[in-house]
N, C-alpha and C. Protein backbone atom coordinates (compact mmCIF):
# COMPACT_ATOMS: atom_id res chain seq x y z
N MET A 1 -26.64 -15.27 -30.34
CA MET A 1 -27.93 -14.62 -30.35
C MET A 1 -28.99 -15.44 -29.61
N MET A 2 -28.74 -16.75 -29.45
CA MET A 2 -29.68 -17.57 -28.68
C MET A 2 -29.75 -17.05 -27.24
N PHE A 3 -28.60 -16.69 -26.68
CA PHE A 3 -28.61 -16.14 -25.31
C PHE A 3 -29.31 -14.79 -25.29
N TYR A 4 -28.98 -13.94 -26.24
CA TYR A 4 -29.55 -12.59 -26.30
C TYR A 4 -31.07 -12.65 -26.40
N ASN A 5 -31.59 -13.59 -27.15
CA ASN A 5 -33.03 -13.71 -27.38
C ASN A 5 -33.72 -14.68 -26.43
N ALA A 6 -33.02 -15.18 -25.44
CA ALA A 6 -33.59 -16.17 -24.52
C ALA A 6 -34.74 -15.57 -23.71
N ASP A 7 -35.65 -16.43 -23.32
CA ASP A 7 -36.78 -16.02 -22.49
C ASP A 7 -36.31 -16.06 -21.03
N CYS A 8 -35.68 -14.98 -20.61
CA CYS A 8 -35.07 -14.91 -19.29
C CYS A 8 -35.16 -13.47 -18.80
N PRO A 9 -35.48 -13.24 -17.52
CA PRO A 9 -35.67 -11.87 -17.04
C PRO A 9 -34.37 -11.04 -16.98
N LYS A 10 -33.24 -11.69 -16.83
CA LYS A 10 -31.96 -10.98 -16.77
C LYS A 10 -30.93 -11.73 -17.61
N ILE A 11 -30.26 -10.99 -18.48
CA ILE A 11 -29.25 -11.59 -19.34
C ILE A 11 -28.03 -10.67 -19.37
N ALA A 12 -26.85 -11.25 -19.15
CA ALA A 12 -25.59 -10.53 -19.29
C ALA A 12 -24.70 -11.35 -20.22
N ILE A 13 -24.30 -10.73 -21.31
CA ILE A 13 -23.42 -11.39 -22.28
C ILE A 13 -22.13 -10.59 -22.34
N GLU A 14 -21.01 -11.29 -22.23
CA GLU A 14 -19.68 -10.69 -22.28
C GLU A 14 -18.97 -11.28 -23.48
N ASN A 15 -18.39 -10.41 -24.33
CA ASN A 15 -17.70 -10.91 -25.51
C ASN A 15 -16.72 -9.85 -26.00
N PRO A 16 -15.55 -10.28 -26.49
CA PRO A 16 -14.66 -9.31 -27.11
C PRO A 16 -15.33 -8.70 -28.34
N VAL A 17 -14.78 -7.64 -28.85
CA VAL A 17 -15.34 -7.01 -30.03
C VAL A 17 -15.32 -8.02 -31.18
N SER A 18 -16.48 -8.23 -31.77
CA SER A 18 -16.58 -9.21 -32.85
C SER A 18 -16.59 -8.52 -34.21
N SER A 19 -16.43 -9.32 -35.22
CA SER A 19 -16.47 -8.82 -36.58
C SER A 19 -17.86 -8.30 -36.91
N LYS A 20 -17.93 -7.33 -37.78
CA LYS A 20 -19.22 -6.78 -38.17
C LYS A 20 -20.09 -7.79 -38.91
N VAL A 21 -19.49 -8.85 -39.44
CA VAL A 21 -20.29 -9.84 -40.17
C VAL A 21 -21.28 -10.56 -39.26
N PHE A 22 -21.03 -10.52 -37.96
CA PHE A 22 -21.94 -11.19 -37.02
C PHE A 22 -23.18 -10.37 -36.73
N LYS A 23 -23.17 -9.10 -37.11
CA LYS A 23 -24.34 -8.22 -36.96
C LYS A 23 -24.91 -8.25 -35.54
N MET A 24 -24.05 -8.07 -34.59
CA MET A 24 -24.49 -8.04 -33.18
C MET A 24 -25.30 -6.77 -32.92
N PRO A 25 -26.27 -6.84 -32.01
CA PRO A 25 -27.00 -5.63 -31.64
C PRO A 25 -26.09 -4.66 -30.89
N LYS A 26 -26.53 -3.46 -30.71
CA LYS A 26 -25.76 -2.44 -29.99
C LYS A 26 -25.48 -2.94 -28.57
N TYR A 27 -24.24 -2.83 -28.15
CA TYR A 27 -23.83 -3.26 -26.81
C TYR A 27 -24.24 -2.21 -25.78
N THR A 28 -24.26 -2.61 -24.52
CA THR A 28 -24.60 -1.71 -23.43
C THR A 28 -23.38 -0.98 -22.89
N GLN A 29 -22.24 -1.68 -22.84
CA GLN A 29 -21.06 -1.13 -22.19
C GLN A 29 -19.80 -1.74 -22.78
N GLU A 30 -18.71 -0.95 -22.80
CA GLU A 30 -17.39 -1.45 -23.15
C GLU A 30 -16.49 -1.29 -21.93
N ILE A 31 -15.75 -2.35 -21.61
CA ILE A 31 -14.87 -2.33 -20.44
C ILE A 31 -13.48 -2.82 -20.85
N HIS A 32 -12.49 -2.59 -19.97
CA HIS A 32 -11.11 -3.03 -20.17
C HIS A 32 -10.58 -3.65 -18.88
N PRO A 33 -9.61 -4.58 -18.96
CA PRO A 33 -9.07 -5.22 -17.76
C PRO A 33 -8.49 -4.24 -16.73
N TYR A 34 -7.80 -3.20 -17.19
CA TYR A 34 -7.17 -2.27 -16.24
C TYR A 34 -8.18 -1.54 -15.36
N GLN A 35 -9.43 -1.49 -15.77
CA GLN A 35 -10.47 -0.83 -14.98
C GLN A 35 -10.94 -1.68 -13.79
N PHE A 36 -10.54 -2.95 -13.77
CA PHE A 36 -10.97 -3.90 -12.74
C PHE A 36 -9.76 -4.71 -12.29
N ASP A 37 -8.71 -4.04 -11.86
CA ASP A 37 -7.42 -4.69 -11.62
C ASP A 37 -6.80 -4.23 -10.30
N PRO A 38 -7.33 -4.68 -9.15
CA PRO A 38 -6.86 -4.18 -7.86
C PRO A 38 -5.40 -4.50 -7.55
N HIS A 39 -4.83 -5.54 -8.16
CA HIS A 39 -3.44 -5.91 -7.87
C HIS A 39 -2.49 -5.52 -9.00
N ASN A 40 -3.01 -4.76 -9.96
CA ASN A 40 -2.23 -4.27 -11.10
C ASN A 40 -1.51 -5.41 -11.82
N GLU A 41 -2.21 -6.52 -12.00
CA GLU A 41 -1.66 -7.68 -12.70
C GLU A 41 -1.96 -7.64 -14.20
N HIS A 42 -2.97 -6.86 -14.59
CA HIS A 42 -3.38 -6.80 -16.00
C HIS A 42 -3.60 -5.34 -16.42
N PRO A 43 -2.53 -4.57 -16.49
CA PRO A 43 -2.68 -3.14 -16.83
C PRO A 43 -2.80 -2.90 -18.33
N TYR A 44 -3.72 -3.61 -18.96
CA TYR A 44 -3.83 -3.57 -20.41
C TYR A 44 -5.22 -3.14 -20.86
N THR A 45 -5.27 -2.70 -22.11
CA THR A 45 -6.55 -2.51 -22.77
C THR A 45 -6.89 -3.83 -23.47
N LYS A 46 -8.13 -4.19 -23.43
CA LYS A 46 -8.67 -5.32 -24.19
C LYS A 46 -10.17 -5.06 -24.21
N LYS A 47 -10.58 -4.36 -25.23
CA LYS A 47 -11.97 -3.93 -25.30
C LYS A 47 -12.89 -5.13 -25.26
N THR A 48 -13.76 -5.12 -24.28
CA THR A 48 -14.74 -6.19 -24.09
C THR A 48 -16.12 -5.53 -24.01
N ARG A 49 -17.06 -6.11 -24.71
CA ARG A 49 -18.41 -5.54 -24.72
C ARG A 49 -19.35 -6.36 -23.86
N LEU A 50 -20.30 -5.65 -23.26
CA LEU A 50 -21.34 -6.27 -22.45
C LEU A 50 -22.70 -5.91 -23.03
N TRP A 51 -23.55 -6.91 -23.15
CA TRP A 51 -24.94 -6.71 -23.51
C TRP A 51 -25.73 -7.05 -22.25
N LEU A 52 -26.41 -6.08 -21.69
CA LEU A 52 -27.11 -6.25 -20.42
C LEU A 52 -28.60 -6.04 -20.64
N LEU A 53 -29.37 -7.08 -20.37
CA LEU A 53 -30.81 -7.03 -20.57
C LEU A 53 -31.51 -7.29 -19.25
N GLY A 54 -32.68 -6.70 -19.10
CA GLY A 54 -33.38 -6.82 -17.83
C GLY A 54 -32.85 -5.77 -16.86
N ASP A 55 -32.97 -6.03 -15.60
CA ASP A 55 -32.56 -5.07 -14.58
C ASP A 55 -31.11 -5.30 -14.16
N ILE A 56 -30.18 -5.23 -15.12
CA ILE A 56 -28.76 -5.38 -14.82
C ILE A 56 -28.09 -4.06 -15.16
N LYS A 57 -27.46 -3.48 -14.17
CA LYS A 57 -26.79 -2.19 -14.35
C LYS A 57 -25.39 -2.37 -14.94
N PRO A 58 -24.89 -1.39 -15.67
CA PRO A 58 -23.50 -1.46 -16.16
C PRO A 58 -22.53 -1.61 -14.99
N LEU A 59 -21.42 -2.29 -15.25
CA LEU A 59 -20.40 -2.47 -14.21
C LEU A 59 -19.75 -1.14 -13.87
N VAL A 60 -19.49 -0.94 -12.61
CA VAL A 60 -18.76 0.24 -12.15
C VAL A 60 -17.30 -0.18 -12.00
N PRO A 61 -16.37 0.50 -12.69
CA PRO A 61 -14.95 0.13 -12.55
C PRO A 61 -14.51 0.13 -11.09
N THR A 62 -13.76 -0.89 -10.72
CA THR A 62 -13.28 -0.99 -9.33
C THR A 62 -11.92 -0.32 -9.15
N THR A 63 -11.22 -0.06 -10.25
CA THR A 63 -9.93 0.65 -10.19
C THR A 63 -9.93 1.75 -11.24
N PRO A 64 -10.79 2.78 -11.04
CA PRO A 64 -10.97 3.80 -12.08
C PRO A 64 -9.74 4.67 -12.33
N HIS A 65 -8.78 4.66 -11.42
CA HIS A 65 -7.60 5.51 -11.58
C HIS A 65 -6.41 4.78 -12.18
N ASN A 66 -6.57 3.49 -12.47
CA ASN A 66 -5.49 2.75 -13.14
C ASN A 66 -5.31 3.26 -14.56
N HIS A 67 -4.11 3.11 -15.09
CA HIS A 67 -3.82 3.51 -16.46
C HIS A 67 -3.20 2.33 -17.20
N PRO A 68 -3.64 2.08 -18.44
CA PRO A 68 -3.09 0.95 -19.20
C PRO A 68 -1.68 1.24 -19.69
N ILE A 69 -0.90 0.16 -19.86
CA ILE A 69 0.45 0.30 -20.40
C ILE A 69 0.50 -0.14 -21.86
N GLY A 70 -0.54 -0.78 -22.34
CA GLY A 70 -0.57 -1.24 -23.72
C GLY A 70 -1.73 -2.18 -23.94
N SER A 71 -1.79 -2.73 -25.15
CA SER A 71 -2.86 -3.63 -25.53
C SER A 71 -2.53 -5.07 -25.11
N TYR A 72 -3.54 -5.81 -24.67
CA TYR A 72 -3.35 -7.20 -24.28
C TYR A 72 -3.17 -8.09 -25.51
N VAL A 73 -3.99 -7.89 -26.50
CA VAL A 73 -3.90 -8.64 -27.75
C VAL A 73 -3.78 -7.62 -28.87
N PRO A 74 -2.57 -7.42 -29.40
CA PRO A 74 -2.38 -6.40 -30.42
C PRO A 74 -2.84 -6.85 -31.79
N SER A 75 -2.89 -5.92 -32.70
CA SER A 75 -3.17 -6.24 -34.09
C SER A 75 -2.10 -5.57 -34.94
N GLY A 76 -1.99 -6.01 -36.16
CA GLY A 76 -1.05 -5.40 -37.08
C GLY A 76 0.40 -5.63 -36.69
N THR A 77 1.23 -4.65 -36.95
CA THR A 77 2.68 -4.81 -36.79
C THR A 77 3.12 -4.80 -35.33
N GLY A 78 2.27 -4.39 -34.42
CA GLY A 78 2.64 -4.35 -33.00
C GLY A 78 3.01 -5.71 -32.43
N ARG A 79 2.59 -6.80 -33.08
CA ARG A 79 2.89 -8.16 -32.61
C ARG A 79 4.38 -8.41 -32.50
N LYS A 80 5.17 -7.77 -33.33
CA LYS A 80 6.59 -8.04 -33.39
C LYS A 80 7.36 -7.52 -32.18
N ASN A 81 6.83 -6.53 -31.51
CA ASN A 81 7.50 -5.94 -30.36
C ASN A 81 6.76 -6.35 -29.09
N ARG A 82 7.19 -7.42 -28.47
CA ARG A 82 6.48 -7.97 -27.30
C ARG A 82 6.49 -7.04 -26.09
N SER A 83 7.36 -6.06 -26.06
CA SER A 83 7.41 -5.17 -24.90
C SER A 83 6.22 -4.21 -24.86
N THR A 84 5.45 -4.13 -25.94
CA THR A 84 4.35 -3.18 -25.99
C THR A 84 2.99 -3.80 -25.73
N TYR A 85 2.94 -5.10 -25.45
CA TYR A 85 1.64 -5.71 -25.19
C TYR A 85 1.74 -6.79 -24.13
N GLY A 86 0.59 -7.35 -23.79
CA GLY A 86 0.51 -8.33 -22.72
C GLY A 86 0.98 -9.71 -23.09
N TYR A 87 0.09 -10.67 -23.03
CA TYR A 87 0.47 -12.07 -23.11
C TYR A 87 0.23 -12.70 -24.48
N ALA A 88 -0.18 -11.93 -25.44
CA ALA A 88 -0.52 -12.51 -26.73
C ALA A 88 0.70 -13.11 -27.41
N LYS A 89 0.50 -14.26 -28.00
CA LYS A 89 1.55 -14.91 -28.78
C LYS A 89 0.92 -15.34 -30.09
N ARG A 90 1.69 -15.30 -31.12
CA ARG A 90 1.18 -15.71 -32.43
C ARG A 90 0.64 -17.14 -32.33
N GLY A 91 -0.53 -17.35 -32.88
CA GLY A 91 -1.15 -18.67 -32.84
C GLY A 91 -2.07 -18.86 -31.64
N GLU A 92 -1.98 -17.99 -30.66
CA GLU A 92 -2.83 -18.11 -29.47
C GLU A 92 -3.78 -16.93 -29.33
N ASP A 93 -3.89 -16.11 -30.37
CA ASP A 93 -4.70 -14.91 -30.27
C ASP A 93 -6.16 -15.19 -29.91
N SER A 94 -6.77 -16.20 -30.52
CA SER A 94 -8.19 -16.45 -30.23
C SER A 94 -8.38 -16.83 -28.77
N LYS A 95 -7.47 -17.60 -28.22
CA LYS A 95 -7.55 -17.98 -26.80
C LYS A 95 -7.40 -16.74 -25.91
N ASN A 96 -6.47 -15.87 -26.26
CA ASN A 96 -6.26 -14.67 -25.46
C ASN A 96 -7.41 -13.68 -25.60
N ARG A 97 -7.99 -13.59 -26.77
CA ARG A 97 -9.13 -12.68 -26.94
C ARG A 97 -10.34 -13.16 -26.15
N ALA A 98 -10.43 -14.46 -25.91
CA ALA A 98 -11.58 -15.02 -25.21
C ALA A 98 -11.44 -14.96 -23.69
N LYS A 99 -10.32 -14.54 -23.19
CA LYS A 99 -10.05 -14.54 -21.74
C LYS A 99 -10.96 -13.56 -21.00
N THR A 100 -11.57 -14.02 -19.93
CA THR A 100 -12.27 -13.14 -18.99
C THR A 100 -11.33 -12.95 -17.80
N PHE A 101 -10.96 -11.74 -17.52
CA PHE A 101 -10.00 -11.45 -16.47
C PHE A 101 -10.62 -11.59 -15.09
N GLN A 102 -9.81 -12.01 -14.13
CA GLN A 102 -10.27 -12.26 -12.76
C GLN A 102 -10.96 -11.03 -12.16
N GLY A 103 -10.38 -9.85 -12.33
CA GLY A 103 -10.97 -8.64 -11.76
C GLY A 103 -12.35 -8.33 -12.34
N ILE A 104 -12.53 -8.58 -13.62
CA ILE A 104 -13.84 -8.36 -14.24
C ILE A 104 -14.84 -9.39 -13.71
N ALA A 105 -14.42 -10.64 -13.62
CA ALA A 105 -15.31 -11.69 -13.09
C ALA A 105 -15.71 -11.39 -11.65
N GLU A 106 -14.76 -10.93 -10.84
CA GLU A 106 -15.07 -10.58 -9.45
C GLU A 106 -16.04 -9.41 -9.37
N ALA A 107 -15.85 -8.41 -10.23
CA ALA A 107 -16.77 -7.27 -10.24
C ALA A 107 -18.18 -7.71 -10.63
N MET A 108 -18.27 -8.61 -11.61
CA MET A 108 -19.59 -9.12 -12.00
C MET A 108 -20.25 -9.83 -10.83
N ALA A 109 -19.50 -10.68 -10.14
CA ALA A 109 -20.07 -11.42 -9.01
C ALA A 109 -20.49 -10.47 -7.89
N GLN A 110 -19.65 -9.50 -7.58
CA GLN A 110 -19.94 -8.58 -6.48
C GLN A 110 -21.08 -7.61 -6.81
N GLN A 111 -21.07 -7.10 -8.05
CA GLN A 111 -22.06 -6.08 -8.40
C GLN A 111 -23.38 -6.65 -8.89
N TRP A 112 -23.36 -7.83 -9.46
CA TRP A 112 -24.59 -8.42 -9.98
C TRP A 112 -25.09 -9.58 -9.14
N GLY A 113 -24.24 -10.12 -8.27
CA GLY A 113 -24.63 -11.26 -7.46
C GLY A 113 -25.68 -10.88 -6.45
N SER A 114 -26.35 -11.89 -5.97
CA SER A 114 -27.41 -11.66 -4.98
C SER A 114 -27.06 -12.37 -3.69
N SER A 115 -27.35 -11.73 -2.60
CA SER A 115 -27.12 -12.36 -1.28
C SER A 115 -28.38 -13.06 -0.81
N GLU A 116 -29.39 -13.10 -1.65
CA GLU A 116 -30.65 -13.74 -1.27
C GLU A 116 -30.57 -15.23 -1.33
C-alpha cells in the first residue's frame, strides 16, 4: 500500500491475486501470460492484477488469439497431475506465483515506456 499511496504522478503495481485479508483496493486490470506470449513459451493462465494510477492505460494483449492449455500454478488436487499445469512444484509455489513473465514485462516496457 506504500506504493499505491505514494506521492507520484504515475504508479503501476503488478501482483498475483492476493488473499482478501490484505484488503487491496479494486484493481484496474487482470492479465494472463498467454495474452503476452509471442513465442508460445507460456501458454498458461496465471491471473495477475494491475493497479494503474495516473495516466497509465491498461495493457493491450500482444497475442490476443493465443489460448491457454492450463494453469501455471494450480490449486487443490490438480497439483498431483503435472501434465495439466506449467512449472509449479510443491514447495516452490510462492516463487512461481511471484514470477513476472517476459512477454508481460516487454509489453509494459513497450506500451508504457517513453522514448523521451
